[in-house]
Every structure is written in structure tokens, then in C-alpha cells.
Amino acid sequence: MAAAVSPARGRAFGRAGGAVTGLLPDRHPTADFFVCDIFDALPKGDLASMEHPMFSLGTKPDLRILSYAHNGAEITITPSVRGLATIHDKDILIYCISQLMAAINMGRAVSRVLHLKAHDLLVATNRETSGDGYQRLREAFERLAGTRITTNIVTGELETTTGFGLIESWQIVRHTRAGRMVSVMVTISDWLFRAVLSKSVLTLSRDYFRLRKPLERRVYEIARKHCGRQPEWRVSVETLLKKSGSASPRRVFRKMIRDMIEADTLPDYRLEEEPGDILRVTPRRAPPEALLEAPLLSPDTLDEARHLAPGWDVHALEAEWKSWWLETGRPRLRAPDKAFLGWVKVRVG
């Protein structure tokens, strides 16, 4: 299925070659949208919202107007009557970014308007596919569209002070007789789309969607953004409190962080407490540079993988295979390309 649907719609003509006068004019000769149809796209988040607190960590409607300033970046987040968008609502944006980046990596055309299947989004973000799951998804769309951001954060090397919704609009394109959404059309903000086009994004662990507590998700984002490829990163409890956007007092926040350290459930990273109210973040696995040691695959092999796994993000499969190769002791491969293709057959079979 094509990523950007831009067909020239057929026009009806009479026998003499003239246009049939009984038809309305074709007011929309191109359907400018991107179809989310890439299976197993790697989750990706935009750098700006990973760096700065733009989502509520509350589980109840949050009607506060939030203001945040740090290192020259200023943000004001204004809720709708339904409250601020939550960190769990952000799953929708992560899914959209992931689909767009996978398509860009495959050389496909993309658009700010995305056509997605609600069931695919729920599955990809580890959500329930029950009736309640669809209702919560609808509520998330409403909060994302209603929450307004005013900021001077740079995206795509362009600094402007601008106001926008986290998503510009959404609509249910198709639903069941019971009213459950089947397919949805979403228009993301130009601000977020610029971030995608400039590739100002980072890959997230799939286990991010398994984190139950909002603060766990937020701390993981901050660790992913700041620790990244470094062997370690240190941050004060006071700074982490500010960057997280938590409304808790410092003593309560410190207790929640200590509980998080004890539970040790963060994907990819480990938290430790050090003297002086300092937290140390270290990666659990080898840094991404280790992937440079993985066998190189030819472009022809990646093309063949696309035929073996239609609809899959072949670059995501390549990254997963290289990680598997590292974790299994970096075995010596006589024919890496054949080994990869064999692995792909099993992975998607």
C-alpha cells in the first residue's frame, strides 16, 4: 500500500468527449495523507518533548496552566476543559512519529495527515483492545487536540515563538455500528512534523509502553535523552524534579524515585542514588557504538528483506538482528546476508 495517496481521480466524460454536466466538480483531486501501514516500526519520540515537560503526569483531569523555563526554552501548556494531555496520551504521538520515520527511512513520501487503524495503534502501544480501550483512545485524542502549547523551542533548526495543539485535528473516518472507531484521520502539528523531517527523534524501548506509572515513563524519556550513548549521566534530584514536570513536593518526589530505584523496572537504564541528592544513570546494555561491530548488509539484501516482510520496517529489522547478534556473543558468520534473511523469515513467519 502506498504511503502517500495522491491518485488523480477519474473523471467521467460523455460520448463526445465533454465532461458530464450531472457531476459536481472534483474539488479534491489529490488525497494528501499518509497511510500508517508499517508493522513493527520502532517506537520513536521527538527530542523536544523528551527534553521538556509538556505532558501531565496526573491520572485525573489536570486543569492547571503550566509554565516552564530552562536554558532559554520557554513553554506554556494550557489545558482544554477535558484537562491537559497526559504522558499516556503521548503514545499516539509516538506511534505517529514511528510510522513517519519508518516510511522516511524506506524512501516513502509522508504527510502531516495520517490515516491509521485504531486497532493497530492500540496493539503497537500495548493497550487493551476492549471497548474501554477504544473509549480511552478517543478521550486521548480529545485531550491532545485541546491542549495548547506556546513555546520558543527549536524544531528543525528553526526557532519561532508559536502556539499549537499537540495534534491539529482528528476525526473518526470509519466506525462500527456500536460507535467504536475503526480508522482515524489525524493531522499532527507543523511543529512536530518539522521535528520528524529533521529527524530530531530518538528510538525508544518497546518496553516503554509496559511502564505503568507516569513518572516512570517520564524519567525513562529524560534518561534516554540525556544519558543516550554516554557510559553514565548524573543529575540532581532538584533538576530532575523540574525536568519531569511532577507536581509533587521534593520529599515526595525523592521517595518516588527511591521506589523506582528499588523496583528497577526502567528499560535500557539503571538508576542509582549518590550522596548529595544526586542520581546516576547508566545504560544496561552495550552502547549503540557496539552495533558498528555488527556485520554489514548489502543494499540488495535489504531489498530482498522487503519482499520477505512486506509492510515491515526493514531498517528496524536490521537493527533488531544486529542487537540479537551482539547479545548472542557476536558469533562469526560466514555469510551474514544469508544469516540475516534466514532470521527475517523466522521473525515475520
Protein backbone atom coordinates (compact mmCIF):
# COMPACT_ATOMS: atom_id res chain seq x y z
CA MET A 1 0.00 0.00 0.00
CA ALA A 2 1.42 3.41 -0.92
CA ALA A 3 2.41 5.72 1.88
CA ALA A 4 1.18 8.96 0.36
CA VAL A 5 -2.02 8.51 -1.62
CA SER A 6 -2.11 11.03 -4.45
CA PRO A 7 -4.17 9.49 -7.26
CA ALA A 8 -5.60 11.66 -9.99
CA ARG A 9 -9.24 10.83 -9.55
CA GLY A 10 -11.05 9.51 -12.60
CA ARG A 11 -13.31 11.94 -14.42
CA ALA A 12 -16.47 10.99 -16.29
CA PHE A 13 -16.78 12.03 -19.93
CA GLY A 14 -19.64 11.87 -22.37
CA ARG A 15 -19.51 10.20 -25.75
CA ALA A 16 -18.44 13.44 -27.43
CA GLY A 17 -15.51 13.83 -25.03
CA GLY A 18 -17.06 16.60 -22.92
CA ALA A 19 -17.41 16.44 -19.16
CA VAL A 20 -20.67 15.03 -17.82
CA THR A 21 -22.61 18.02 -16.52
CA GLY A 22 -24.56 15.98 -13.94
CA LEU A 23 -21.50 15.56 -11.69
CA LEU A 24 -20.12 18.01 -9.15
CA PRO A 25 -16.59 19.30 -9.84
CA ASP A 26 -13.74 17.25 -8.37
CA ARG A 27 -12.81 19.64 -5.56
CA HIS A 28 -10.12 17.39 -4.10
CA PRO A 29 -8.13 15.83 -6.96
CA THR A 30 -5.43 14.61 -4.57
CA ALA A 31 -5.85 12.91 -1.23
CA ASP A 32 -2.83 14.22 0.64
CA PHE A 33 -2.42 11.80 3.52
CA PHE A 34 -0.02 9.17 4.79
CA VAL A 35 -1.26 5.64 5.48
CA CYS A 36 0.12 4.09 8.68
CA ASP A 37 0.71 0.55 7.47
CA ILE A 38 4.25 -0.31 8.63
CA PHE A 39 4.31 -3.25 11.01
CA ASP A 40 6.84 -3.35 13.82
CA ALA A 41 8.09 0.23 13.33
CA LEU A 42 10.49 1.13 16.12
CA PRO A 43 8.95 3.47 18.72
CA LYS A 44 10.38 6.97 18.44
CA GLY A 45 9.92 10.14 20.45
CA ASP A 46 10.67 13.73 19.48
CA LEU A 47 13.62 15.35 21.26
CA ALA A 48 11.75 18.46 22.38
CA SER A 49 9.04 16.71 24.41
CA MET A 50 11.63 14.27 25.79
CA GLU A 51 13.72 17.21 26.99
CA HIS A 52 10.94 19.47 28.29
CA PRO A 53 7.82 18.63 30.35
CA MET A 54 4.85 19.01 28.01
CA PHE A 55 2.50 16.32 29.37
CA SER A 56 0.68 15.91 32.64
CA LEU A 57 1.81 13.10 34.94
CA GLY A 58 -1.58 13.05 36.65
CA THR A 59 -4.16 10.31 36.31
CA LYS A 60 -7.11 12.64 36.93
CA PRO A 61 -8.15 15.63 34.79
CA ASP A 62 -5.40 18.25 35.18
CA LEU A 63 -6.72 21.77 34.60
CA ARG A 64 -3.56 23.67 35.57
CA ILE A 65 -1.83 26.10 33.19
CA LEU A 66 1.80 25.01 33.29
CA SER A 67 4.82 27.24 32.65
CA TYR A 68 8.39 26.02 32.31
CA ALA A 69 11.66 27.80 31.52
CA HIS A 70 15.11 26.21 31.26
CA ASN A 71 18.26 27.25 29.38
CA GLY A 72 16.40 29.75 27.22
CA ALA A 73 13.49 27.45 26.39
CA GLU A 74 10.07 28.66 27.49
CA ILE A 75 6.87 26.64 27.41
CA THR A 76 3.31 27.36 28.48
CA ILE A 77 0.85 24.46 28.36
CA THR A 78 -2.83 25.36 28.51
CA PRO A 79 -5.49 22.64 29.01
CA SER A 80 -8.91 22.31 27.48
CA VAL A 81 -11.99 21.67 29.60
CA ARG A 82 -11.03 17.98 29.46
CA GLY A 83 -7.64 18.68 31.03
CA LEU A 84 -4.04 18.53 29.92
CA ALA A 85 -2.83 15.77 27.64
CA THR A 86 -1.18 13.07 29.75
CA ILE A 87 2.05 11.15 29.32
CA HIS A 88 -0.08 8.12 28.35
CA ASP A 89 -1.84 10.20 25.66
CA LYS A 90 1.62 10.76 24.20
CA ASP A 91 1.53 7.13 22.98
CA ILE A 92 -0.46 8.39 20.00
CA LEU A 93 2.24 10.87 19.02
CA ILE A 94 4.95 8.23 19.47
CA TYR A 95 3.03 5.89 17.16
CA CYS A 96 2.62 8.62 14.52
CA ILE A 97 6.30 9.62 14.70
CA SER A 98 7.36 5.98 14.49
CA GLN A 99 5.30 5.38 11.37
CA LEU A 100 6.55 8.55 9.69
CA MET A 101 10.22 7.86 10.47
CA ALA A 102 9.96 4.25 9.27
CA ALA A 103 8.46 5.49 5.99
CA ILE A 104 11.16 8.14 5.56
CA ASN A 105 13.85 5.51 6.12
CA MET A 106 12.20 3.42 3.42
CA GLY A 107 12.19 6.35 0.99
CA ARG A 108 8.42 6.81 1.05
CA ALA A 109 6.54 10.10 0.89
CA VAL A 110 4.96 11.37 4.11
CA SER A 111 2.41 13.97 5.15
CA ARG A 112 1.19 15.77 8.27
CA VAL A 113 -2.14 13.99 7.79
CA LEU A 114 -2.04 10.36 8.90
CA HIS A 115 -4.65 7.68 8.27
CA LEU A 116 -4.35 4.98 10.92
CA LYS A 117 -6.23 1.96 12.18
CA ALA A 118 -7.25 2.28 15.81
CA HIS A 119 -6.63 -1.42 16.49
CA ASP A 120 -3.06 -1.22 15.15
CA LEU A 121 -2.33 1.78 17.36
CA LEU A 122 -3.70 0.03 20.45
CA VAL A 123 -1.65 -3.10 19.78
CA ALA A 124 1.56 -1.20 18.99
CA THR A 125 1.31 0.79 22.23
CA ASN A 126 0.42 -2.23 24.40
CA ARG A 127 -3.11 -1.02 25.17
CA GLU A 128 -6.27 -3.03 25.70
CA THR A 129 -8.42 -3.59 22.62
CA SER A 130 -11.62 -3.78 24.63
CA GLY A 131 -14.47 -1.29 24.38
CA ASP A 132 -12.93 0.66 27.26
CA GLY A 133 -9.64 0.76 25.36
CA TYR A 134 -11.27 2.41 22.37
CA GLN A 135 -13.12 4.89 24.62
CA ARG A 136 -9.88 5.86 26.38
CA LEU A 137 -8.24 6.29 22.98
CA ARG A 138 -10.98 8.69 21.91
CA GLU A 139 -10.54 10.68 25.13
CA ALA A 140 -6.79 10.84 24.48
CA PHE A 141 -7.39 12.31 21.02
CA GLU A 142 -9.65 14.95 22.57
CA ARG A 143 -7.05 15.96 25.18
CA LEU A 144 -4.23 16.08 22.60
CA ALA A 145 -6.26 18.31 20.28
CA GLY A 146 -7.43 20.53 23.15
CA THR A 147 -4.09 21.07 24.90
CA ARG A 148 -2.36 24.19 23.58
CA ILE A 149 1.38 24.75 23.61
CA THR A 150 3.10 28.13 23.38
CA THR A 151 6.88 27.82 23.08
CA ASN A 152 10.10 29.05 21.50
CA ILE A 153 11.65 25.56 21.35
CA VAL A 154 13.65 24.99 18.17
CA THR A 155 12.49 22.18 15.86
CA GLY A 156 14.26 21.51 12.59
CA GLU A 157 16.82 24.30 13.31
CA LEU A 158 14.03 26.90 13.24
CA GLU A 159 13.29 28.92 16.38
CA THR A 160 9.90 30.59 16.46
CA THR A 161 7.55 31.51 19.24
CA THR A 162 4.38 29.71 18.28
CA GLY A 163 1.16 28.29 19.64
CA PHE A 164 -0.31 24.99 18.52
CA GLY A 165 -2.20 21.91 19.61
CA LEU A 166 -0.32 18.69 20.20
CA ILE A 167 -2.39 17.44 17.28
CA GLU A 168 -4.10 19.87 14.93
CA SER A 169 -7.21 17.79 14.35
CA TRP A 170 -8.60 14.28 14.28
CA GLN A 171 -11.71 12.56 13.00
CA ILE A 172 -13.16 9.08 13.01
CA VAL A 173 -13.23 8.01 9.38
CA ARG A 174 -14.96 4.69 9.96
CA HIS A 175 -16.64 3.14 12.98
CA THR A 176 -18.68 0.09 13.87
CA ARG A 177 -22.43 0.12 14.40
CA ALA A 178 -21.74 0.32 18.11
CA GLY A 179 -19.75 3.52 17.54
CA ARG A 180 -16.30 2.02 18.12
CA MET A 181 -13.67 3.72 15.96
CA VAL A 182 -12.07 1.60 13.26
CA SER A 183 -9.95 4.09 11.33
CA VAL A 184 -8.91 7.60 12.26
CA MET A 185 -7.51 10.58 10.37
CA VAL A 186 -5.01 12.62 12.42
CA THR A 187 -3.30 15.87 11.48
CA ILE A 188 -0.18 16.48 13.56
CA SER A 189 1.12 19.99 14.20
CA ASP A 190 3.54 21.59 11.75
CA TRP A 191 5.91 21.99 14.74
CA LEU A 192 6.02 18.23 15.33
CA PHE A 193 6.19 17.44 11.60
CA ARG A 194 9.29 19.65 11.28
CA ALA A 195 10.90 17.64 14.06
CA VAL A 196 10.21 14.42 12.14
CA LEU A 197 11.53 15.76 8.83
CA SER A 198 14.72 16.97 10.52
CA LYS A 199 15.00 13.58 12.27
CA SER A 200 15.05 15.23 15.69
CA VAL A 201 13.88 11.98 17.25
CA LEU A 202 15.25 9.12 19.34
CA THR A 203 14.36 5.43 19.34
CA LEU A 204 12.59 4.21 22.48
CA SER A 205 12.46 0.75 24.00
CA ARG A 206 9.29 -1.20 23.20
CA ASP A 207 9.06 -1.83 26.95
CA TYR A 208 8.34 1.88 27.41
CA PHE A 209 4.68 1.04 26.76
CA ARG A 210 4.77 -1.51 29.60
CA LEU A 211 5.64 1.11 32.23
CA ARG A 212 2.57 1.65 34.39
CA LYS A 213 3.44 4.79 36.33
CA PRO A 214 3.55 8.17 34.56
CA LEU A 215 6.72 9.20 36.42
CA GLU A 216 8.50 6.03 35.25
CA ARG A 217 7.73 6.93 31.64
CA ARG A 218 8.90 10.50 32.12
CA VAL A 219 12.14 9.53 33.87
CA TYR A 220 12.86 6.98 31.12
CA GLU A 221 12.43 9.69 28.47
CA ILE A 222 14.81 12.01 30.30
CA ALA A 223 17.37 9.24 30.78
CA ARG A 224 17.13 8.27 27.10
CA LYS A 225 17.61 11.88 26.03
CA HIS A 226 20.47 12.78 28.37
CA CYS A 227 22.33 9.55 29.00
CA GLY A 228 21.94 8.18 25.49
CA ARG A 229 25.30 6.82 24.34
CA GLN A 230 27.25 8.02 27.36
CA PRO A 231 28.53 5.47 29.90
CA GLU A 232 26.79 7.47 32.64
CA TRP A 233 24.86 10.66 33.38
CA ARG A 234 24.33 12.45 36.68
CA VAL A 235 21.51 14.77 37.64
CA SER A 236 20.39 16.36 40.90
CA VAL A 237 17.03 15.42 42.36
CA GLU A 238 16.04 19.10 42.16
CA THR A 239 16.80 19.32 38.43
CA LEU A 240 15.09 16.02 37.68
CA LEU A 241 12.01 17.20 39.58
CA LYS A 242 11.90 20.33 37.42
CA LYS A 243 12.52 18.49 34.13
CA SER A 244 9.95 15.80 34.93
CA GLY A 245 7.09 18.26 35.34
CA SER A 246 5.97 16.49 38.51
CA ALA A 247 3.72 18.49 40.83
CA SER A 248 4.91 16.57 43.90
CA PRO A 249 6.93 18.23 46.69
CA ARG A 250 10.64 17.40 46.62
CA ARG A 251 10.48 14.98 49.56
CA VAL A 252 7.60 13.06 47.95
CA PHE A 253 9.36 13.09 44.59
CA ARG A 254 12.56 11.77 46.19
CA LYS A 255 10.58 8.92 47.77
CA MET A 256 9.04 8.03 44.39
CA ILE A 257 12.49 7.98 42.79
CA ARG A 258 13.82 5.73 45.56
CA ASP A 259 10.89 3.37 44.99
CA MET A 260 11.73 3.41 41.29
CA ILE A 261 15.36 2.55 42.04
CA GLU A 262 14.26 -0.37 44.21
CA ALA A 263 11.81 -1.67 41.60
CA ASP A 264 14.47 -1.34 38.87
CA THR A 265 11.98 -1.60 36.02
CA LEU A 266 13.24 1.15 33.69
CA PRO A 267 14.08 -0.23 30.22
CA ASP A 268 17.64 0.29 28.99
CA TYR A 269 18.83 2.28 32.02
CA ARG A 270 19.61 1.78 35.69
CA LEU A 271 19.16 4.45 38.38
CA GLU A 272 21.37 4.77 41.46
CA GLU A 273 21.34 7.29 44.30
CA GLU A 274 24.60 9.03 45.24
CA PRO A 275 25.49 11.36 48.12
CA GLY A 276 24.43 14.97 47.77
CA ASP A 277 20.96 14.28 46.38
CA ILE A 278 22.47 13.14 43.07
CA LEU A 279 21.16 10.42 40.77
CA ARG A 280 23.41 8.38 38.49
CA VAL A 281 22.01 6.91 35.27
CA THR A 282 23.86 4.13 33.42
CA PRO A 283 22.90 2.05 30.35
CA ARG A 284 22.03 -1.57 30.98
CA ARG A 285 23.49 -2.78 27.68
CA ALA A 286 26.40 -2.02 25.45
CA PRO A 287 26.23 1.49 23.94
CA PRO A 288 24.94 1.89 20.36
CA GLU A 289 28.53 2.23 19.10
CA ALA A 290 28.86 -1.52 19.63
CA LEU A 291 26.46 -2.02 16.75
CA LEU A 292 29.21 -0.73 14.47
CA GLU A 293 30.93 -4.07 15.03
CA ALA A 294 27.94 -5.94 13.60
CA PRO A 295 28.23 -7.39 10.07
CA LEU A 296 27.40 -5.04 7.22
CA LEU A 297 24.50 -5.99 4.98
CA SER A 298 24.29 -5.18 1.28
CA PRO A 299 21.51 -2.97 -0.17
CA ASP A 300 20.37 -5.97 -2.24
CA THR A 301 19.89 -7.95 0.96
CA LEU A 302 17.71 -5.20 2.44
CA ASP A 303 15.66 -5.12 -0.79
CA GLU A 304 15.15 -8.87 -0.56
CA ALA A 305 14.13 -8.49 3.09
CA ARG A 306 11.42 -6.03 1.99
CA HIS A 307 9.97 -8.73 -0.25
CA LEU A 308 10.14 -11.28 2.56
CA ALA A 309 8.48 -8.91 5.04
CA PRO A 310 6.08 -6.62 3.17
CA GLY A 311 4.84 -3.79 5.36
CA TRP A 312 7.65 -4.17 7.90
CA ASP A 313 10.30 -1.55 8.59
CA VAL A 314 13.38 -3.28 7.17
CA HIS A 315 15.75 -0.92 8.98
CA ALA A 316 14.09 -1.80 12.27
CA LEU A 317 14.53 -5.49 11.44
CA GLU A 318 18.20 -4.88 10.63
CA ALA A 319 18.74 -3.08 13.97
CA GLU A 320 16.94 -5.86 15.86
CA TRP A 321 19.03 -8.53 14.13
CA LYS A 322 22.27 -6.69 14.94
CA SER A 323 21.23 -6.36 18.59
CA TRP A 324 20.44 -10.08 18.65
CA TRP A 325 23.87 -10.79 17.14
CA LEU A 326 25.53 -8.78 19.92
CA GLU A 327 23.50 -10.42 22.68
CA THR A 328 24.30 -13.94 21.43
CA GLY A 329 28.05 -13.40 21.80
CA ARG A 330 28.88 -11.91 18.38
CA PRO A 331 29.21 -15.24 16.58
CA ARG A 332 31.37 -15.40 13.47
CA LEU A 333 29.19 -15.51 10.36
CA ARG A 334 30.48 -16.83 7.05
CA ALA A 335 27.50 -15.44 5.14
CA PRO A 336 25.94 -12.56 7.13
CA ASP A 337 23.47 -11.64 4.40
CA LYS A 338 22.08 -15.18 4.23
CA ALA A 339 22.01 -15.36 8.02
CA PHE A 340 20.01 -12.14 8.19
CA LEU A 341 17.49 -13.25 5.57
CA GLY A 342 17.03 -16.57 7.36
CA TRP A 343 16.42 -14.69 10.59
CA VAL A 344 13.88 -12.43 8.87
CA LYS A 345 11.91 -15.45 7.62
CA VAL A 346 11.63 -16.76 11.16
CA ARG A 347 10.93 -13.32 12.65
CA VAL A 348 7.97 -12.50 10.39
CA GLY A 349 6.80 -16.04 9.68
